[in-house]
Amino acid sequence: MDENEHYIATLTVNDVPWHRLTTPYGRATEFPRYFAVLEAMDDIAAVKDDLYELEINTEHTGTFWHATPLSMIFLVRIFRRARGEQADSEIAWMIAERLHEQLQVSAECGR
C-alpha cells in the first residue's frame, strides 16, 4: 500500500477540517452529520435529505468543490457498505442506487 492508499484507508471524518472546505453553497461543516445519517441507514427521510445535500454540495454544474475529493472517500465507503446490505434493507438499497448515480456523475465530470 502506497502513502496515498494508506491515507485514504485510514482517514476518519474527524481528521478533515470540514468547516474550512468550500461547497457551492457555503462550507462543508455539516458533512460529518450527513455521513453519520447515511451510515446509520435507519431514517429514510433523513437519508434522502442528506443524500440531496451531499449531491448539491459536492458537484455543481460540472464543477467540483474543495470538499468533493475528501467527501468521496466517505461516500465510497458508505456505497460499499450499502451495496453489501441492500438485499436486506430498503434504505441501503436506496443509498446504493443514489450513490451509484452520484459517483457516475462525478466520474463524468472528472473526464
PDB file of N, CA and C in Angstrom:
ATOM      1  N   MET A   1       0.844  -1.170   0.000  1.00  0.00           N
ATOM      2  CA  MET A   1       0.000   0.000   0.000  1.00  0.00           C
ATOM      3  C   MET A   1       0.895   1.241   0.000  1.00  0.00           C
ATOM      4  N   ASP A   2       0.659   2.133  -0.986  1.00  0.00           N
ATOM      5  CA  ASP A   2       1.481   3.341  -1.020  1.00  0.00           C
ATOM      6  C   ASP A   2       0.920   4.389  -0.044  1.00  0.00           C
ATOM      7  N   GLU A   3       1.585   5.510   0.049  1.00  0.00           N
ATOM      8  CA  GLU A   3       1.218   6.549   1.007  1.00  0.00           C
ATOM      9  C   GLU A   3      -0.210   7.075   0.784  1.00  0.00           C
ATOM     10  N   ASN A   4      -0.593   7.293  -0.470  1.00  0.00           N
ATOM     11  CA  ASN A   4      -1.943   7.786  -0.759  1.00  0.00           C
ATOM     12  C   ASN A   4      -3.012   6.758  -0.383  1.00  0.00           C
ATOM     13  N   GLU A   5      -2.775   5.506  -0.727  1.00  0.00           N
ATOM     14  CA  GLU A   5      -3.730   4.453  -0.388  1.00  0.00           C
ATOM     15  C   GLU A   5      -3.878   4.318   1.127  1.00  0.00           C
ATOM     16  N   HIS A   6      -2.759   4.431   1.825  1.00  0.00           N
ATOM     17  CA  HIS A   6      -2.791   4.362   3.285  1.00  0.00           C
ATOM     18  C   HIS A   6      -3.604   5.524   3.855  1.00  0.00           C
ATOM     19  N   TYR A   7      -3.390   6.722   3.327  1.00  0.00           N
ATOM     20  CA  TYR A   7      -4.132   7.900   3.777  1.00  0.00           C
ATOM     21  C   TYR A   7      -5.627   7.692   3.579  1.00  0.00           C
ATOM     22  N   ILE A   8      -6.024   7.240   2.394  1.00  0.00           N
ATOM     23  CA  ILE A   8      -7.440   7.019   2.082  1.00  0.00           C
ATOM     24  C   ILE A   8      -8.038   5.940   2.986  1.00  0.00           C
ATOM     25  N   ALA A   9      -7.290   4.889   3.235  1.00  0.00           N
ATOM     26  CA  ALA A   9      -7.789   3.772   4.041  1.00  0.00           C
ATOM     27  C   ALA A   9      -7.941   4.128   5.516  1.00  0.00           C
ATOM     28  N   THR A  10      -7.135   5.056   6.007  1.00  0.00           N
ATOM     29  CA  THR A  10      -7.139   5.343   7.439  1.00  0.00           C
ATOM     30  C   THR A  10      -7.768   6.682   7.824  1.00  0.00           C
ATOM     31  N   LEU A  11      -8.126   7.488   6.846  1.00  0.00           N
ATOM     32  CA  LEU A  11      -8.728   8.794   7.121  1.00  0.00           C
ATOM     33  C   LEU A  11     -10.058   8.628   7.858  1.00  0.00           C
ATOM     34  N   THR A  12     -10.255   9.408   8.894  1.00  0.00           N
ATOM     35  CA  THR A  12     -11.533   9.421   9.600  1.00  0.00           C
ATOM     36  C   THR A  12     -12.229  10.755   9.345  1.00  0.00           C
ATOM     37  N   VAL A  13     -13.520  10.787   9.553  1.00  0.00           N
ATOM     38  CA  VAL A  13     -14.295  12.017   9.352  1.00  0.00           C
ATOM     39  C   VAL A  13     -13.737  13.143  10.219  1.00  0.00           C
ATOM     40  N   ASN A  14     -13.311  12.805  11.431  1.00  0.00           N
ATOM     41  CA  ASN A  14     -12.793  13.822  12.354  1.00  0.00           C
ATOM     42  C   ASN A  14     -11.424  14.359  11.955  1.00  0.00           C
ATOM     43  N   ASP A  15     -10.733  13.695  11.040  1.00  0.00           N
ATOM     44  CA  ASP A  15      -9.428  14.168  10.574  1.00  0.00           C
ATOM     45  C   ASP A  15      -9.541  15.337   9.599  1.00  0.00           C
ATOM     46  N   VAL A  16     -10.722  15.552   9.066  1.00  0.00           N
ATOM     47  CA  VAL A  16     -10.917  16.533   7.997  1.00  0.00           C
ATOM     48  C   VAL A  16     -11.464  17.839   8.580  1.00  0.00           C
ATOM     49  N   PRO A  17     -10.860  18.976   8.222  1.00  0.00           N
ATOM     50  CA  PRO A  17     -11.385  20.269   8.695  1.00  0.00           C
ATOM     51  C   PRO A  17     -12.556  20.739   7.812  1.00  0.00           C
ATOM     52  N   TRP A  18     -13.678  20.061   7.945  1.00  0.00           N
ATOM     53  CA  TRP A  18     -14.831  20.315   7.082  1.00  0.00           C
ATOM     54  C   TRP A  18     -15.256  21.778   7.096  1.00  0.00           C
ATOM     55  N   HIS A  19     -15.137  22.426   8.241  1.00  0.00           N
ATOM     56  CA  HIS A  19     -15.553  23.825   8.367  1.00  0.00           C
ATOM     57  C   HIS A  19     -14.719  24.770   7.505  1.00  0.00           C
ATOM     58  N   ARG A  20     -13.585  24.291   7.010  1.00  0.00           N
ATOM     59  CA  ARG A  20     -12.715  25.124   6.170  1.00  0.00           C
ATOM     60  C   ARG A  20     -12.877  24.833   4.679  1.00  0.00           C
ATOM     61  N   LEU A  21     -13.582  23.759   4.333  1.00  0.00           N
ATOM     62  CA  LEU A  21     -13.719  23.358   2.933  1.00  0.00           C
ATOM     63  C   LEU A  21     -14.974  23.959   2.319  1.00  0.00           C
ATOM     64  N   THR A  22     -14.815  24.529   1.127  1.00  0.00           N
ATOM     65  CA  THR A  22     -15.940  25.194   0.483  1.00  0.00           C
ATOM     66  C   THR A  22     -16.788  24.236  -0.348  1.00  0.00           C
ATOM     67  N   THR A  23     -18.044  24.635  -0.498  1.00  0.00           N
ATOM     68  CA  THR A  23     -19.025  23.972  -1.359  1.00  0.00           C
ATOM     69  C   THR A  23     -19.670  25.094  -2.179  1.00  0.00           C
ATOM     70  N   PRO A  24     -20.504  24.776  -3.165  1.00  0.00           N
ATOM     71  CA  PRO A  24     -21.139  25.857  -3.914  1.00  0.00           C
ATOM     72  C   PRO A  24     -22.086  26.717  -3.072  1.00  0.00           C
ATOM     73  N   TYR A  25     -22.480  26.204  -1.908  1.00  0.00           N
ATOM     74  CA  TYR A  25     -23.442  26.926  -1.084  1.00  0.00           C
ATOM     75  C   TYR A  25     -22.906  27.302   0.294  1.00  0.00           C
ATOM     76  N   GLY A  26     -21.605  27.267   0.476  1.00  0.00           N
ATOM     77  CA  GLY A  26     -21.020  27.635   1.764  1.00  0.00           C
ATOM     78  C   GLY A  26     -19.880  26.719   2.145  1.00  0.00           C
ATOM     79  N   ARG A  27     -19.912  26.253   3.371  1.00  0.00           N
ATOM     80  CA  ARG A  27     -18.870  25.373   3.916  1.00  0.00           C
ATOM     81  C   ARG A  27     -19.429  23.973   4.133  1.00  0.00           C
ATOM     82  N   ALA A  28     -18.536  23.004   4.237  1.00  0.00           N
ATOM     83  CA  ALA A  28     -18.913  21.594   4.399  1.00  0.00           C
ATOM     84  C   ALA A  28     -19.053  21.200   5.868  1.00  0.00           C
ATOM     85  N   THR A  29     -19.341  22.138   6.703  1.00  0.00           N
ATOM     86  CA  THR A  29     -19.419  21.910   8.146  1.00  0.00           C
ATOM     87  C   THR A  29     -20.375  20.785   8.524  1.00  0.00           C
ATOM     88  N   GLU A  30     -21.477  20.625   7.799  1.00  0.00           N
ATOM     89  CA  GLU A  30     -22.488  19.615   8.117  1.00  0.00           C
ATOM     90  C   GLU A  30     -22.177  18.232   7.539  1.00  0.00           C
ATOM     91  N   PHE A  31     -21.127  18.103   6.744  1.00  0.00           N
ATOM     92  CA  PHE A  31     -20.825  16.815   6.108  1.00  0.00           C
ATOM     93  C   PHE A  31     -20.697  15.665   7.096  1.00  0.00           C
ATOM     94  N   PRO A  32     -20.011  15.830   8.236  1.00  0.00           N
ATOM     95  CA  PRO A  32     -19.931  14.698   9.172  1.00  0.00           C
ATOM     96  C   PRO A  32     -21.307  14.203   9.622  1.00  0.00           C
ATOM     97  N   ARG A  33     -22.248  15.122   9.832  1.00  0.00           N
ATOM     98  CA  ARG A  33     -23.595  14.729  10.224  1.00  0.00           C
ATOM     99  C   ARG A  33     -24.283  13.981   9.086  1.00  0.00           C
ATOM    100  N   TYR A  34     -24.111  14.452   7.853  1.00  0.00           N
ATOM    101  CA  TYR A  34     -24.708  13.771   6.703  1.00  0.00           C
ATOM    102  C   TYR A  34     -24.173  12.338   6.596  1.00  0.00           C
ATOM    103  N   PHE A  35     -22.859  12.182   6.735  1.00  0.00           N
ATOM    104  CA  PHE A  35     -22.261  10.848   6.653  1.00  0.00           C
ATOM    105  C   PHE A  35     -22.806   9.941   7.751  1.00  0.00           C
ATOM    106  N   ALA A  36     -22.950  10.478   8.954  1.00  0.00           N
ATOM    107  CA  ALA A  36     -23.450   9.674  10.078  1.00  0.00           C
ATOM    108  C   ALA A  36     -24.875   9.190   9.810  1.00  0.00           C
ATOM    109  N   VAL A  37     -25.715  10.047   9.247  1.00  0.00           N
ATOM    110  CA  VAL A  37     -27.089   9.653   8.918  1.00  0.00           C
ATOM    111  C   VAL A  37     -27.080   8.538   7.884  1.00  0.00           C
ATOM    112  N   LEU A  38     -26.242   8.681   6.852  1.00  0.00           N
ATOM    113  CA  LEU A  38     -26.174   7.644   5.822  1.00  0.00           C
ATOM    114  C   LEU A  38     -25.653   6.336   6.394  1.00  0.00           C
ATOM    115  N   GLU A  39     -24.650   6.411   7.241  1.00  0.00           N
ATOM    116  CA  GLU A  39     -24.084   5.199   7.830  1.00  0.00           C
ATOM    117  C   GLU A  39     -25.075   4.486   8.736  1.00  0.00           C
ATOM    118  N   ALA A  40     -25.927   5.242   9.423  1.00  0.00           N
ATOM    119  CA  ALA A  40     -26.911   4.625  10.326  1.00  0.00           C
ATOM    120  C   ALA A  40     -27.978   3.860   9.545  1.00  0.00           C
ATOM    121  N   MET A  41     -28.327   4.334   8.362  1.00  0.00           N
ATOM    122  CA  MET A  41     -29.300   3.674   7.488  1.00  0.00           C
ATOM    123  C   MET A  41     -30.605   3.328   8.204  1.00  0.00           C
ATOM    124  N   ASP A  42     -31.114   4.272   9.031  1.00  0.00           N
ATOM    125  CA  ASP A  42     -32.317   3.932   9.776  1.00  0.00           C
ATOM    126  C   ASP A  42     -33.456   4.944   9.658  1.00  0.00           C
ATOM    127  N   ASP A  43     -33.258   6.032   8.936  1.00  0.00           N
ATOM    128  CA  ASP A  43     -34.299   7.054   8.797  1.00  0.00           C
ATOM    129  C   ASP A  43     -34.354   7.467   7.335  1.00  0.00           C
ATOM    130  N   ILE A  44     -35.311   6.917   6.592  1.00  0.00           N
ATOM    131  CA  ILE A  44     -35.338   7.121   5.141  1.00  0.00           C
ATOM    132  C   ILE A  44     -35.502   8.599   4.765  1.00  0.00           C
ATOM    133  N   ALA A  45     -36.290   9.346   5.515  1.00  0.00           N
ATOM    134  CA  ALA A  45     -36.471  10.768   5.205  1.00  0.00           C
ATOM    135  C   ALA A  45     -35.168  11.534   5.397  1.00  0.00           C
ATOM    136  N   ALA A  46     -34.474  11.286   6.498  1.00  0.00           N
ATOM    137  CA  ALA A  46     -33.197  11.954   6.755  1.00  0.00           C
ATOM    138  C   ALA A  46     -32.148  11.534   5.734  1.00  0.00           C
ATOM    139  N   VAL A  47     -32.142  10.256   5.364  1.00  0.00           N
ATOM    140  CA  VAL A  47     -31.195   9.766   4.355  1.00  0.00           C
ATOM    141  C   VAL A  47     -31.429  10.478   3.027  1.00  0.00           C
ATOM    142  N   LYS A  48     -32.684  10.591   2.611  1.00  0.00           N
ATOM    143  CA  LYS A  48     -32.999  11.286   1.353  1.00  0.00           C
ATOM    144  C   LYS A  48     -32.533  12.735   1.403  1.00  0.00           C
ATOM    145  N   ASP A  49     -32.831  13.421   2.509  1.00  0.00           N
ATOM    146  CA  ASP A  49     -32.433  14.821   2.654  1.00  0.00           C
ATOM    147  C   ASP A  49     -30.920  14.983   2.606  1.00  0.00           C
ATOM    148  N   ASP A  50     -30.214  14.121   3.321  1.00  0.00           N
ATOM    149  CA  ASP A  50     -28.768  14.262   3.409  1.00  0.00           C
ATOM    150  C   ASP A  50     -28.068  13.827   2.126  1.00  0.00           C
ATOM    151  N   LEU A  51     -28.610  12.840   1.427  1.00  0.00           N
ATOM    152  CA  LEU A  51     -28.073  12.496   0.108  1.00  0.00           C
ATOM    153  C   LEU A  51     -28.194  13.687  -0.833  1.00  0.00           C
ATOM    154  N   TYR A  52     -29.345  14.355  -0.807  1.00  0.00           N
ATOM    155  CA  TYR A  52     -29.557  15.537  -1.638  1.00  0.00           C
ATOM    156  C   TYR A  52     -28.533  16.623  -1.294  1.00  0.00           C
ATOM    157  N   GLU A  53     -28.344  16.892  -0.014  1.00  0.00           N
ATOM    158  CA  GLU A  53     -27.376  17.915   0.403  1.00  0.00           C
ATOM    159  C   GLU A  53     -25.963  17.580  -0.076  1.00  0.00           C
ATOM    160  N   LEU A  54     -25.590  16.322   0.037  1.00  0.00           N
ATOM    161  CA  LEU A  54     -24.268  15.917  -0.424  1.00  0.00           C
ATOM    162  C   LEU A  54     -24.159  16.030  -1.941  1.00  0.00           C
ATOM    163  N   GLU A  55     -25.221  15.666  -2.653  1.00  0.00           N
ATOM    164  CA  GLU A  55     -25.208  15.764  -4.118  1.00  0.00           C
ATOM    165  C   GLU A  55     -25.008  17.202  -4.571  1.00  0.00           C
ATOM    166  N   ILE A  56     -25.762  18.136  -4.008  1.00  0.00           N
ATOM    167  CA  ILE A  56     -25.674  19.521  -4.478  1.00  0.00           C
ATOM    168  C   ILE A  56     -24.436  20.245  -3.967  1.00  0.00           C
ATOM    169  N   ASN A  57     -23.824  19.728  -2.907  1.00  0.00           N
ATOM    170  CA  ASN A  57     -22.665  20.399  -2.336  1.00  0.00           C
ATOM    171  C   ASN A  57     -21.322  19.801  -2.733  1.00  0.00           C
ATOM    172  N   THR A  58     -21.327  18.709  -3.480  1.00  0.00           N
ATOM    173  CA  THR A  58     -20.055  18.139  -3.949  1.00  0.00           C
ATOM    174  C   THR A  58     -19.835  18.361  -5.435  1.00  0.00           C
ATOM    175  N   GLU A  59     -20.933  18.531  -6.186  1.00  0.00           N
ATOM    176  CA  GLU A  59     -20.828  18.794  -7.626  1.00  0.00           C
ATOM    177  C   GLU A  59     -21.913  19.782  -7.999  1.00  0.00           C
ATOM    178  N   HIS A  60     -21.533  20.813  -8.742  1.00  0.00           N
ATOM    179  CA  HIS A  60     -22.500  21.817  -9.165  1.00  0.00           C
ATOM    180  C   HIS A  60     -22.139  22.270 -10.564  1.00  0.00           C
ATOM    181  N   THR A  61     -23.036  22.071 -11.485  1.00  0.00           N
ATOM    182  CA  THR A  61     -22.850  22.410 -12.905  1.00  0.00           C
ATOM    183  C   THR A  61     -21.517  21.903 -13.457  1.00  0.00           C
ATOM    184  N   GLY A  62     -21.211  20.659 -13.109  1.00  0.00           N
ATOM    185  CA  GLY A  62     -19.994  20.032 -13.626  1.00  0.00           C
ATOM    186  C   GLY A  62     -18.716  20.468 -12.945  1.00  0.00           C
ATOM    187  N   THR A  63     -18.844  21.149 -11.834  1.00  0.00           N
ATOM    188  CA  THR A  63     -17.677  21.662 -11.109  1.00  0.00           C
ATOM    189  C   THR A  63     -17.561  20.974  -9.758  1.00  0.00           C
ATOM    190  N   PHE A  64     -16.358  20.554  -9.414  1.00  0.00           N
ATOM    191  CA  PHE A  64     -16.086  20.009  -8.087  1.00  0.00           C
ATOM    192  C   PHE A  64     -15.653  21.141  -7.168  1.00  0.00           C
ATOM    193  N   TRP A  65     -15.847  20.921  -5.871  1.00  0.00           N
ATOM    194  CA  TRP A  65     -15.513  21.920  -4.867  1.00  0.00           C
ATOM    195  C   TRP A  65     -14.457  21.364  -3.933  1.00  0.00           C
ATOM    196  N   HIS A  66     -13.930  22.210  -3.065  1.00  0.00           N
ATOM    197  CA  HIS A  66     -12.848  21.783  -2.175  1.00  0.00           C
ATOM    198  C   HIS A  66     -13.238  20.584  -1.321  1.00  0.00           C
ATOM    199  N   ALA A  67     -14.483  20.485  -0.954  1.00  0.00           N
ATOM    200  CA  ALA A  67     -14.945  19.381  -0.107  1.00  0.00           C
ATOM    201  C   ALA A  67     -15.113  18.075  -0.884  1.00  0.00           C
ATOM    202  N   THR A  68     -15.176  18.149  -2.204  1.00  0.00           N
ATOM    203  CA  THR A  68     -15.520  16.972  -3.004  1.00  0.00           C
ATOM    204  C   THR A  68     -14.550  15.800  -2.854  1.00  0.00           C
ATOM    205  N   PRO A  69     -13.252  15.992  -3.057  1.00  0.00           N
ATOM    206  CA  PRO A  69     -12.369  14.813  -3.013  1.00  0.00           C
ATOM    207  C   PRO A  69     -12.411  14.067  -1.680  1.00  0.00           C
ATOM    208  N   LEU A  70     -12.409  14.809  -0.591  1.00  0.00           N
ATOM    209  CA  LEU A  70     -12.435  14.147   0.713  1.00  0.00           C
ATOM    210  C   LEU A  70     -13.788  13.506   0.982  1.00  0.00           C
ATOM    211  N   SER A  71     -14.863  14.146   0.560  1.00  0.00           N
ATOM    212  CA  SER A  71     -16.177  13.541   0.771  1.00  0.00           C
ATOM    213  C   SER A  71     -16.320  12.245  -0.015  1.00  0.00           C
ATOM    214  N   MET A  72     -15.688  12.159  -1.173  1.00  0.00           N
ATOM    215  CA  MET A  72     -15.777  10.946  -1.990  1.00  0.00           C
ATOM    216  C   MET A  72     -15.203   9.728  -1.268  1.00  0.00           C
ATOM    217  N   ILE A  73     -14.203   9.937  -0.461  1.00  0.00           N
ATOM    218  CA  ILE A  73     -13.638   8.826   0.311  1.00  0.00           C
ATOM    219  C   ILE A  73     -14.728   8.198   1.180  1.00  0.00           C
ATOM    220  N   PHE A  74     -15.487   9.035   1.864  1.00  0.00           N
ATOM    221  CA  PHE A  74     -16.521   8.541   2.775  1.00  0.00           C
ATOM    222  C   PHE A  74     -17.743   8.047   2.026  1.00  0.00           C
ATOM    223  N   LEU A  75     -18.071   8.697   0.918  1.00  0.00           N
ATOM    224  CA  LEU A  75     -19.214   8.243   0.126  1.00  0.00           C
ATOM    225  C   LEU A  75     -18.958   6.883  -0.504  1.00  0.00           C
ATOM    226  N   VAL A  76     -17.738   6.627  -0.938  1.00  0.00           N
ATOM    227  CA  VAL A  76     -17.412   5.302  -1.484  1.00  0.00           C
ATOM    228  C   VAL A  76     -17.496   4.248  -0.387  1.00  0.00           C
ATOM    229  N   ARG A  77     -17.026   4.563   0.802  1.00  0.00           N
ATOM    230  CA  ARG A  77     -17.140   3.612   1.918  1.00  0.00           C
ATOM    231  C   ARG A  77     -18.614   3.305   2.210  1.00  0.00           C
ATOM    232  N   ILE A  78     -19.436   4.347   2.257  1.00  0.00           N
ATOM    233  CA  ILE A  78     -20.865   4.160   2.526  1.00  0.00           C
ATOM    234  C   ILE A  78     -21.507   3.371   1.393  1.00  0.00           C
ATOM    235  N   PHE A  79     -21.147   3.674   0.152  1.00  0.00           N
ATOM    236  CA  PHE A  79     -21.663   2.959  -1.009  1.00  0.00           C
ATOM    237  C   PHE A  79     -21.347   1.473  -0.910  1.00  0.00           C
ATOM    238  N   ARG A  80     -20.111   1.136  -0.595  1.00  0.00           N
ATOM    239  CA  ARG A  80     -19.720  -0.272  -0.484  1.00  0.00           C
ATOM    240  C   ARG A  80     -20.513  -0.986   0.596  1.00  0.00           C
ATOM    241  N   ARG A  81     -20.685  -0.322   1.722  1.00  0.00           N
ATOM    242  CA  ARG A  81     -21.454  -0.941   2.805  1.00  0.00           C
ATOM    243  C   ARG A  81     -22.912  -1.106   2.398  1.00  0.00           C
ATOM    244  N   ALA A  82     -23.493  -0.087   1.785  1.00  0.00           N
ATOM    245  CA  ALA A  82     -24.892  -0.152   1.356  1.00  0.00           C
ATOM    246  C   ALA A  82     -25.088  -1.251   0.324  1.00  0.00           C
ATOM    247  N   ARG A  83     -24.150  -1.406  -0.587  1.00  0.00           N
ATOM    248  CA  ARG A  83     -24.243  -2.486  -1.579  1.00  0.00           C
ATOM    249  C   ARG A  83     -24.279  -3.840  -0.885  1.00  0.00           C
ATOM    250  N   GLY A  84     -23.479  -3.986   0.148  1.00  0.00           N
ATOM    251  CA  GLY A  84     -23.445  -5.245   0.874  1.00  0.00           C
ATOM    252  C   GLY A  84     -24.707  -5.532   1.657  1.00  0.00           C
ATOM    253  N   GLU A  85     -25.448  -4.482   2.019  1.00  0.00           N
ATOM    254  CA  GLU A  85     -26.646  -4.649   2.845  1.00  0.00           C
ATOM    255  C   GLU A  85     -27.936  -4.418   2.077  1.00  0.00           C
ATOM    256  N   GLN A  86     -27.850  -4.124   0.789  1.00  0.00           N
ATOM    257  CA  GLN A  86     -29.052  -3.726   0.053  1.00  0.00           C
ATOM    258  C   GLN A  86     -30.100  -4.822  -0.081  1.00  0.00           C
ATOM    259  N   ALA A  87     -29.699  -6.070  -0.019  1.00  0.00           N
ATOM    260  CA  ALA A  87     -30.675  -7.159  -0.114  1.00  0.00           C
ATOM    261  C   ALA A  87     -31.574  -7.219   1.119  1.00  0.00           C
ATOM    262  N   ASP A  88     -31.069  -6.712   2.232  1.00  0.00           N
ATOM    263  CA  ASP A  88     -31.809  -6.796   3.490  1.00  0.00           C
ATOM    264  C   ASP A  88     -32.421  -5.474   3.944  1.00  0.00           C
ATOM    265  N   SER A  89     -32.191  -4.403   3.191  1.00  0.00           N
ATOM    266  CA  SER A  89     -32.629  -3.095   3.661  1.00  0.00           C
ATOM    267  C   SER A  89     -33.033  -2.192   2.500  1.00  0.00           C
ATOM    268  N   GLU A  90     -34.259  -1.701   2.568  1.00  0.00           N
ATOM    269  CA  GLU A  90     -34.740  -0.752   1.548  1.00  0.00           C
ATOM    270  C   GLU A  90     -33.904   0.526   1.569  1.00  0.00           C
ATOM    271  N   ILE A  91     -33.529   0.969   2.752  1.00  0.00           N
ATOM    272  CA  ILE A  91     -32.727   2.188   2.869  1.00  0.00           C
ATOM    273  C   ILE A  91     -31.347   1.966   2.269  1.00  0.00           C
ATOM    274  N   ALA A  92     -30.729   0.834   2.564  1.00  0.00           N
ATOM    275  CA  ALA A  92     -29.412   0.535   1.990  1.00  0.00           C
ATOM    276  C   ALA A  92     -29.498   0.471   0.468  1.00  0.00           C
ATOM    277  N   TRP A  93     -30.578  -0.128  -0.043  1.00  0.00           N
ATOM    278  CA  TRP A  93     -30.756  -0.210  -1.492  1.00  0.00           C
ATOM    279  C   TRP A  93     -30.835   1.184  -2.098  1.00  0.00           C
ATOM    280  N   MET A  94     -31.611   2.076  -1.474  1.00  0.00           N
ATOM    281  CA  MET A  94     -31.758   3.433  -1.972  1.00  0.00           C
ATOM    282  C   MET A  94     -30.437   4.200  -1.916  1.00  0.00           C
ATOM    283  N   ILE A  95     -29.708   4.048  -0.828  1.00  0.00           N
ATOM    284  CA  ILE A  95     -28.407   4.704  -0.705  1.00  0.00           C
ATOM    285  C   ILE A  95     -27.473   4.209  -1.803  1.00  0.00           C
ATOM    286  N   ALA A  96     -27.423   2.904  -2.001  1.00  0.00           N
ATOM    287  CA  ALA A  96     -26.544   2.343  -3.037  1.00  0.00           C
ATOM    288  C   ALA A  96     -26.905   2.873  -4.419  1.00  0.00           C
ATOM    289  N   GLU A  97     -28.191   2.945  -4.717  1.00  0.00           N
ATOM    290  CA  GLU A  97     -28.634   3.438  -6.026  1.00  0.00           C
ATOM    291  C   GLU A  97     -28.282   4.909  -6.217  1.00  0.00           C
ATOM    292  N   ARG A  98     -28.577   5.720  -5.230  1.00  0.00           N
ATOM    293  CA  ARG A  98     -28.316   7.164  -5.345  1.00  0.00           C
ATOM    294  C   ARG A  98     -26.827   7.455  -5.396  1.00  0.00           C
ATOM    295  N   LEU A  99     -26.054   6.758  -4.579  1.00  0.00           N
ATOM    296  CA  LEU A  99     -24.607   6.993  -4.604  1.00  0.00           C
ATOM    297  C   LEU A  99     -23.994   6.480  -5.895  1.00  0.00           C
ATOM    298  N   HIS A 100     -24.515   5.392  -6.427  1.00  0.00           N
ATOM    299  CA  HIS A 100     -24.036   4.891  -7.715  1.00  0.00           C
ATOM    300  C   HIS A 100     -24.211   5.973  -8.779  1.00  0.00           C
ATOM    301  N   GLU A 101     -25.382   6.589  -8.807  1.00  0.00           N
ATOM    302  CA  GLU A 101     -25.632   7.682  -9.761  1.00  0.00           C
ATOM    303  C   GLU A 101     -24.693   8.855  -9.519  1.00  0.00           C
ATOM    304  N   GLN A 102     -24.519   9.233  -8.256  1.00  0.00           N
ATOM    305  CA  GLN A 102     -23.651  10.363  -7.931  1.00  0.00           C
ATOM    306  C   GLN A 102     -22.206  10.083  -8.312  1.00  0.00           C
ATOM    307  N   LEU A 103     -21.751   8.878  -8.062  1.00  0.00           N
ATOM    308  CA  LEU A 103     -20.375   8.531  -8.414  1.00  0.00           C
ATOM    309  C   LEU A 103     -20.186   8.506  -9.925  1.00  0.00           C
ATOM    310  N   GLN A 104     -21.211   8.097 -10.659  1.00  0.00           N
ATOM    311  CA  GLN A 104     -21.128   8.122 -12.122  1.00  0.00           C
ATOM    312  C   GLN A 104     -21.052   9.553 -12.639  1.00  0.00           C
ATOM    313  N   VAL A 105     -21.852  10.447 -12.079  1.00  0.00           N
ATOM    314  CA  VAL A 105     -21.801  11.859 -12.461  1.00  0.00           C
ATOM    315  C   VAL A 105     -20.422  12.424 -12.159  1.00  0.00           C
ATOM    316  N   SER A 106     -19.890  12.097 -11.003  1.00  0.00           N
ATOM    317  CA  SER A 106     -18.560  12.587 -10.629  1.00  0.00           C
ATOM    318  C   SER A 106     -17.490  12.075 -11.592  1.00  0.00           C
ATOM    319  N   ALA A 107     -17.605  10.829 -11.980  1.00  0.00           N
ATOM    320  CA  ALA A 107     -16.642  10.270 -12.952  1.00  0.00           C
ATOM    321  C   ALA A 107     -16.738  11.003 -14.280  1.00  0.00           C
ATOM    322  N   GLU A 108     -17.941  11.287 -14.719  1.00  0.00           N
ATOM    323  CA  GLU A 108     -18.132  12.019 -15.979  1.00  0.00           C
ATOM    324  C   GLU A 108     -17.555  13.419 -15.882  1.00  0.00           C
ATOM    325  N   CYS A 109     -17.785  14.092 -14.775  1.00  0.00           N
ATOM    326  CA  CYS A 109     -17.243  15.445 -14.582  1.00  0.00           C
ATOM    327  C   CYS A 109     -15.718  15.418 -14.542  1.00  0.00           C
ATOM    328  N   GLY A 110     -15.178  14.361 -13.979  1.00  0.00           N
ATOM    329  CA  GLY A 110     -13.720  14.220 -13.894  1.00  0.00           C
ATOM    330  C   GLY A 110     -13.065  13.994 -15.243  1.00  0.00           C
ATOM    331  N   ARG A 111     -13.833  13.449 -16.184  1.00  0.00           N
ATOM    332  CA  ARG A 111     -13.289  13.241 -17.521  1.00  0.00           C
ATOM    333  C   ARG A 111     -13.290  14.521 -18.270  1.00  0.00           C
TER     334      ARG A 111
END
